[in-house]
Amino acid sequence: MTRVLSGAILGAVVLALVWFSNATVLLVVALGVGVLAFREYSPLMRAVGADVPELMTVIATLATLVTIPFPYVALEAVVGVGVLLIALAAMDRVSQRSPTNGDDNGQMFQSAIRGSAAGVLSMLYLGLPLGALVAIHVYGGRNAVLLLIATIVVSDTAQYYVGWLIGRHPLAPRLSPKKTMEGAAGGFVTAPIFLYFAGPQLIPVARPWAVALLGVLVVAAGIVGDLFESMLKRAAGLKDSSSLIPGHGGVLDRIDALLFATPVFYLYVRWVYTI
């Protein structure tokens, strides 16, 4: 009951935010989600020995997010400066520590290198897709954002119920034992059908068959996003990224598919509105 109630409240909040806000308000919301997601991401990385320079990584991640929908500064420059800041912060952290024996020093340097890599990954894993979500609103309006979210919800629901009813063959047992090939097939069938009919209604310039094909790509990207977050949690020895949302885990648990599916959807929306 807790899961259903919190899910209904969360869904209503998301719907209201998308429907009643403009791109600027959505950007502020995305920044908040980015901070919450990073607060879950950083401990996951720390649990696997990646000492993320948190302050510089947050700044670089949020700067990436802002640049994508409102490119006042070239994205490549923002990413380049972000990588520089993260690397400098990691090296400064190492230099501030007292010298120890050779083996400990080696582990310290390895942790700093892994932390730098995890910091750069945060820019791509969190900043880029959340920025792309706002950019979808900039190009296609609230209808395009709703279409993306609805497609992921339809796909996830189909995957869950088809897997529950007839799922027999694990899709990736080491990463997500409950996810089945049959469930995935349900998503691959349902989402394109949904987009074939709903896509042209919410994105008038969309062609039915093209947007149906987009559904296949969105489902595939969403499944990869789900499995990737499962891999992060398993590496850290955790079931959920946090307990922020009752019955649902953390922010990363709720947006795992969205993080990988959004850039794919954004490419399509940008293409149809700029050709």
Protein backbone atom coordinates (compact mmCIF):
# COMPACT_ATOMS: atom_id res chain seq x y z
CA MET A 1 0.00 0.00 0.00
CA THR A 2 2.88 2.36 0.82
CA ARG A 3 4.44 1.72 -2.59
CA VAL A 4 1.15 2.37 -4.41
CA LEU A 5 0.37 5.54 -2.43
CA SER A 6 3.85 7.05 -2.79
CA GLY A 7 3.89 6.10 -6.48
CA ALA A 8 0.55 7.83 -7.05
CA ILE A 9 1.71 10.97 -5.25
CA LEU A 10 5.01 10.98 -7.14
CA GLY A 11 3.22 10.53 -10.46
CA ALA A 12 0.79 13.36 -9.71
CA VAL A 13 3.66 15.69 -8.75
CA VAL A 14 5.60 14.87 -11.92
CA LEU A 15 2.51 15.36 -14.09
CA ALA A 16 1.74 18.72 -12.47
CA LEU A 17 5.33 19.92 -12.82
CA VAL A 18 5.50 19.03 -16.49
CA TRP A 19 2.04 20.30 -17.38
CA PHE A 20 2.03 23.60 -15.53
CA SER A 21 5.69 24.65 -15.75
CA ASN A 22 7.74 26.16 -18.54
CA ALA A 23 11.25 25.10 -19.54
CA THR A 24 12.90 27.41 -17.00
CA VAL A 25 10.91 26.00 -14.09
CA LEU A 26 11.58 22.48 -15.33
CA LEU A 27 15.29 23.33 -15.39
CA VAL A 28 15.16 24.31 -11.71
CA VAL A 29 13.41 21.02 -10.93
CA ALA A 30 15.98 19.10 -12.96
CA LEU A 31 18.78 20.80 -11.02
CA GLY A 32 17.16 19.69 -7.77
CA VAL A 33 16.76 16.13 -9.04
CA GLY A 34 20.38 16.21 -10.18
CA VAL A 35 21.58 17.15 -6.69
CA LEU A 36 19.44 14.42 -5.06
CA ALA A 37 20.62 11.84 -7.59
CA PHE A 38 24.26 12.80 -7.01
CA ARG A 39 23.80 12.41 -3.25
CA GLU A 40 22.93 8.77 -3.98
CA TYR A 41 25.52 8.32 -6.72
CA SER A 42 28.49 9.50 -4.65
CA PRO A 43 28.08 6.91 -1.84
CA LEU A 44 27.68 4.17 -4.46
CA MET A 45 30.99 5.19 -5.97
CA ARG A 46 32.64 5.46 -2.57
CA ALA A 47 31.51 1.93 -1.75
CA VAL A 48 33.45 0.60 -4.76
CA GLY A 49 36.60 2.55 -3.90
CA ALA A 50 36.07 5.63 -6.06
CA ASP A 51 36.82 8.72 -3.98
CA VAL A 52 34.70 11.25 -5.89
CA PRO A 53 35.66 14.95 -5.47
CA GLU A 54 32.10 15.88 -4.55
CA LEU A 55 32.03 19.68 -4.76
CA MET A 56 33.74 19.97 -8.15
CA THR A 57 31.77 17.02 -9.50
CA VAL A 58 28.43 18.56 -8.50
CA ILE A 59 29.42 21.86 -10.10
CA ALA A 60 30.54 20.15 -13.32
CA THR A 61 27.44 17.93 -13.43
CA LEU A 62 25.00 20.82 -12.94
CA ALA A 63 26.91 22.98 -15.43
CA THR A 64 26.55 20.21 -18.02
CA LEU A 65 22.84 19.97 -17.24
CA VAL A 66 22.29 23.70 -17.74
CA THR A 67 24.33 23.92 -20.94
CA ILE A 68 22.36 21.35 -22.94
CA PRO A 69 18.93 23.07 -23.02
CA PHE A 70 20.33 26.61 -22.93
CA PRO A 71 23.70 26.45 -24.76
CA TYR A 72 24.98 29.91 -23.96
CA VAL A 73 28.43 28.32 -23.64
CA ALA A 74 29.71 25.53 -25.89
CA LEU A 75 29.05 22.12 -24.32
CA GLU A 76 32.52 20.85 -25.17
CA ALA A 77 34.05 23.78 -23.27
CA VAL A 78 31.88 23.08 -20.21
CA VAL A 79 32.76 19.38 -20.26
CA GLY A 80 36.45 20.14 -20.72
CA VAL A 81 36.54 22.60 -17.83
CA GLY A 82 34.55 20.16 -15.72
CA VAL A 83 37.04 17.37 -16.32
CA LEU A 84 39.85 19.78 -15.42
CA LEU A 85 38.19 20.82 -12.15
CA ILE A 86 37.48 17.23 -11.14
CA ALA A 87 41.06 16.16 -11.89
CA LEU A 88 42.50 19.11 -9.96
CA ALA A 89 40.25 18.38 -6.97
CA ALA A 90 41.28 14.70 -6.97
CA MET A 91 44.98 15.57 -7.12
CA ASP A 92 44.60 18.19 -4.38
CA ARG A 93 42.90 15.64 -2.15
CA VAL A 94 45.83 13.25 -2.60
CA SER A 95 48.41 15.97 -1.99
CA GLN A 96 46.76 16.95 1.32
CA ARG A 97 47.19 13.48 2.79
CA SER A 98 50.21 12.51 4.84
CA PRO A 99 52.78 10.25 3.11
CA THR A 100 52.55 6.59 4.07
CA ASN A 101 54.17 3.38 2.91
CA GLY A 102 54.26 2.50 -0.77
CA ASP A 103 51.32 0.10 -0.78
CA ASP A 104 49.01 2.58 0.94
CA ASN A 105 50.10 5.32 -1.42
CA GLY A 106 49.30 3.09 -4.37
CA GLN A 107 45.79 2.44 -3.06
CA MET A 108 45.30 6.14 -2.39
CA PHE A 109 46.30 7.07 -5.93
CA GLN A 110 44.11 4.34 -7.39
CA SER A 111 41.12 5.59 -5.39
CA ALA A 112 41.76 9.14 -6.61
CA ILE A 113 41.94 7.99 -10.23
CA ARG A 114 38.74 5.98 -9.88
CA GLY A 115 37.13 8.98 -8.20
CA SER A 116 38.13 11.24 -11.08
CA ALA A 117 36.64 8.78 -13.57
CA ALA A 118 33.45 8.49 -11.49
CA GLY A 119 33.24 12.29 -11.38
CA VAL A 120 33.43 12.55 -15.15
CA LEU A 121 30.85 9.76 -15.43
CA SER A 122 28.49 11.81 -13.24
CA MET A 123 28.50 14.58 -15.86
CA LEU A 124 27.44 12.10 -18.54
CA TYR A 125 25.23 9.82 -16.46
CA LEU A 126 23.32 12.51 -14.55
CA GLY A 127 23.96 15.94 -16.06
CA LEU A 128 23.56 15.12 -19.74
CA PRO A 129 20.20 13.24 -19.65
CA LEU A 130 18.57 15.60 -17.15
CA GLY A 131 19.64 18.52 -19.34
CA ALA A 132 18.29 16.68 -22.38
CA LEU A 133 14.94 16.30 -20.61
CA VAL A 134 14.68 20.08 -20.27
CA ALA A 135 15.82 20.47 -23.89
CA ILE A 136 12.94 18.25 -25.00
CA HIS A 137 10.61 20.79 -23.40
CA VAL A 138 12.46 23.62 -25.18
CA TYR A 139 12.02 21.99 -28.61
CA GLY A 140 8.77 20.05 -28.30
CA GLY A 141 6.97 21.62 -25.35
CA ARG A 142 5.29 19.87 -22.46
CA ASN A 143 3.57 17.38 -24.76
CA ALA A 144 6.91 15.93 -25.84
CA VAL A 145 8.07 15.56 -22.23
CA LEU A 146 4.80 13.87 -21.28
CA LEU A 147 5.12 11.53 -24.24
CA LEU A 148 8.59 10.44 -23.16
CA ILE A 149 7.55 9.85 -19.55
CA ALA A 150 4.36 8.05 -20.61
CA THR A 151 6.33 5.79 -22.96
CA ILE A 152 8.71 4.77 -20.18
CA VAL A 153 5.79 4.16 -17.80
CA VAL A 154 3.96 2.07 -20.41
CA SER A 155 7.13 0.09 -21.16
CA ASP A 156 7.99 -0.51 -17.50
CA THR A 157 4.43 -1.55 -16.69
CA ALA A 158 4.30 -3.97 -19.61
CA GLN A 159 7.68 -5.42 -18.70
CA TYR A 160 6.60 -5.95 -15.10
CA TYR A 161 3.24 -7.61 -15.78
CA VAL A 162 4.32 -9.69 -18.77
CA GLY A 163 7.36 -10.86 -16.81
CA TRP A 164 5.17 -11.64 -13.80
CA LEU A 165 2.66 -13.59 -15.87
CA ILE A 166 4.81 -15.56 -18.30
CA GLY A 167 8.42 -14.69 -17.52
CA ARG A 168 10.61 -17.78 -17.51
CA HIS A 169 13.97 -16.80 -18.98
CA PRO A 170 16.17 -14.32 -17.06
CA LEU A 171 17.40 -11.42 -19.15
CA ALA A 172 20.49 -10.63 -17.09
CA PRO A 173 20.48 -12.86 -13.98
CA ARG A 174 23.71 -11.49 -12.52
CA LEU A 175 22.49 -7.89 -12.72
CA SER A 176 18.73 -8.11 -12.20
CA PRO A 177 17.39 -11.62 -11.45
CA LYS A 178 13.72 -10.56 -11.69
CA LYS A 179 14.00 -9.08 -15.18
CA THR A 180 13.03 -11.59 -17.88
CA MET A 181 13.29 -11.85 -21.64
CA GLU A 182 9.52 -12.22 -21.86
CA GLY A 183 9.04 -9.03 -19.84
CA ALA A 184 11.46 -7.15 -22.06
CA ALA A 185 9.57 -8.42 -25.11
CA GLY A 186 6.38 -7.01 -23.61
CA GLY A 187 7.99 -3.59 -23.44
CA PHE A 188 9.31 -3.85 -26.99
CA VAL A 189 5.80 -4.64 -28.25
CA THR A 190 3.75 -2.25 -26.12
CA ALA A 191 5.81 0.95 -26.30
CA PRO A 192 6.01 1.14 -30.13
CA ILE A 193 2.26 0.54 -30.39
CA PHE A 194 1.64 3.27 -27.83
CA LEU A 195 3.92 5.69 -29.65
CA TYR A 196 2.42 4.82 -33.05
CA PHE A 197 -0.96 6.14 -31.89
CA ALA A 198 -0.03 8.70 -29.22
CA GLY A 199 3.11 10.12 -30.83
CA PRO A 200 1.45 12.07 -33.69
CA GLN A 201 -1.17 13.37 -31.26
CA LEU A 202 1.37 14.91 -28.89
CA ILE A 203 4.09 15.69 -31.45
CA PRO A 204 2.20 16.80 -34.58
CA VAL A 205 5.29 16.64 -36.80
CA ALA A 206 5.95 13.00 -35.86
CA ARG A 207 5.32 10.27 -38.40
CA PRO A 208 3.62 7.17 -36.93
CA TRP A 209 6.11 4.55 -38.16
CA ALA A 210 9.15 6.66 -37.34
CA VAL A 211 7.98 7.35 -33.81
CA ALA A 212 7.08 3.66 -33.38
CA LEU A 213 10.67 2.78 -34.27
CA LEU A 214 11.75 5.36 -31.71
CA GLY A 215 9.76 3.33 -29.16
CA VAL A 216 12.00 0.32 -29.77
CA LEU A 217 15.09 2.43 -29.15
CA VAL A 218 13.61 4.05 -26.03
CA VAL A 219 12.74 0.65 -24.54
CA ALA A 220 16.20 -0.72 -25.32
CA ALA A 221 17.89 2.32 -23.77
CA GLY A 222 15.62 2.16 -20.73
CA ILE A 223 16.44 -1.49 -20.11
CA VAL A 224 20.15 -0.74 -20.35
CA GLY A 225 19.70 2.14 -17.89
CA ASP A 226 17.87 -0.15 -15.46
CA LEU A 227 20.57 -2.81 -15.68
CA PHE A 228 23.37 -0.27 -15.38
CA GLU A 229 21.96 1.11 -12.14
CA SER A 230 21.51 -2.45 -10.88
CA MET A 231 25.18 -3.04 -11.63
CA LEU A 232 26.14 0.04 -9.61
CA LYS A 233 24.06 -1.10 -6.64
CA ARG A 234 25.36 -4.67 -6.77
CA ALA A 235 28.93 -3.41 -6.91
CA ALA A 236 28.19 -1.35 -3.79
CA GLY A 237 26.29 -4.19 -2.09
CA LEU A 238 23.01 -2.26 -1.86
CA LYS A 239 19.42 -3.15 -2.75
CA ASP A 240 18.26 0.46 -3.29
CA SER A 241 20.17 3.66 -3.99
CA SER A 242 18.50 5.19 -0.90
CA SER A 243 15.24 5.09 1.07
CA LEU A 244 14.10 8.58 0.04
CA ILE A 245 10.88 7.45 -1.67
CA PRO A 246 8.86 5.03 0.51
CA GLY A 247 8.40 1.71 -1.23
CA HIS A 248 10.39 2.79 -4.28
CA GLY A 249 13.94 3.30 -3.05
CA GLY A 250 15.84 6.38 -4.13
CA VAL A 251 15.82 8.92 -6.92
CA LEU A 252 18.20 6.83 -9.03
CA ASP A 253 15.88 3.84 -8.66
CA ARG A 254 13.04 5.89 -10.16
CA ILE A 255 14.91 7.57 -13.00
CA ASP A 256 17.33 4.78 -14.02
CA ALA A 257 15.52 4.05 -17.30
CA LEU A 258 14.85 7.75 -17.93
CA LEU A 259 18.56 8.61 -17.71
CA PHE A 260 19.42 6.39 -20.67
CA ALA A 261 16.21 6.79 -22.69
CA THR A 262 16.05 10.60 -22.59
CA PRO A 263 19.09 11.32 -24.84
CA VAL A 264 17.65 8.95 -27.47
CA PHE A 265 14.28 10.66 -27.36
CA TYR A 266 15.91 14.10 -27.36
CA LEU A 267 17.81 13.33 -30.57
CA TYR A 268 14.51 12.47 -32.27
CA VAL A 269 12.67 15.55 -30.97
CA ARG A 270 15.50 17.85 -31.98
CA TRP A 271 15.64 16.23 -35.41
CA VAL A 272 11.91 16.54 -36.17
CA TYR A 273 11.75 20.15 -35.00
CA THR A 274 14.85 21.38 -36.81
CA ILE A 275 14.59 19.72 -40.24
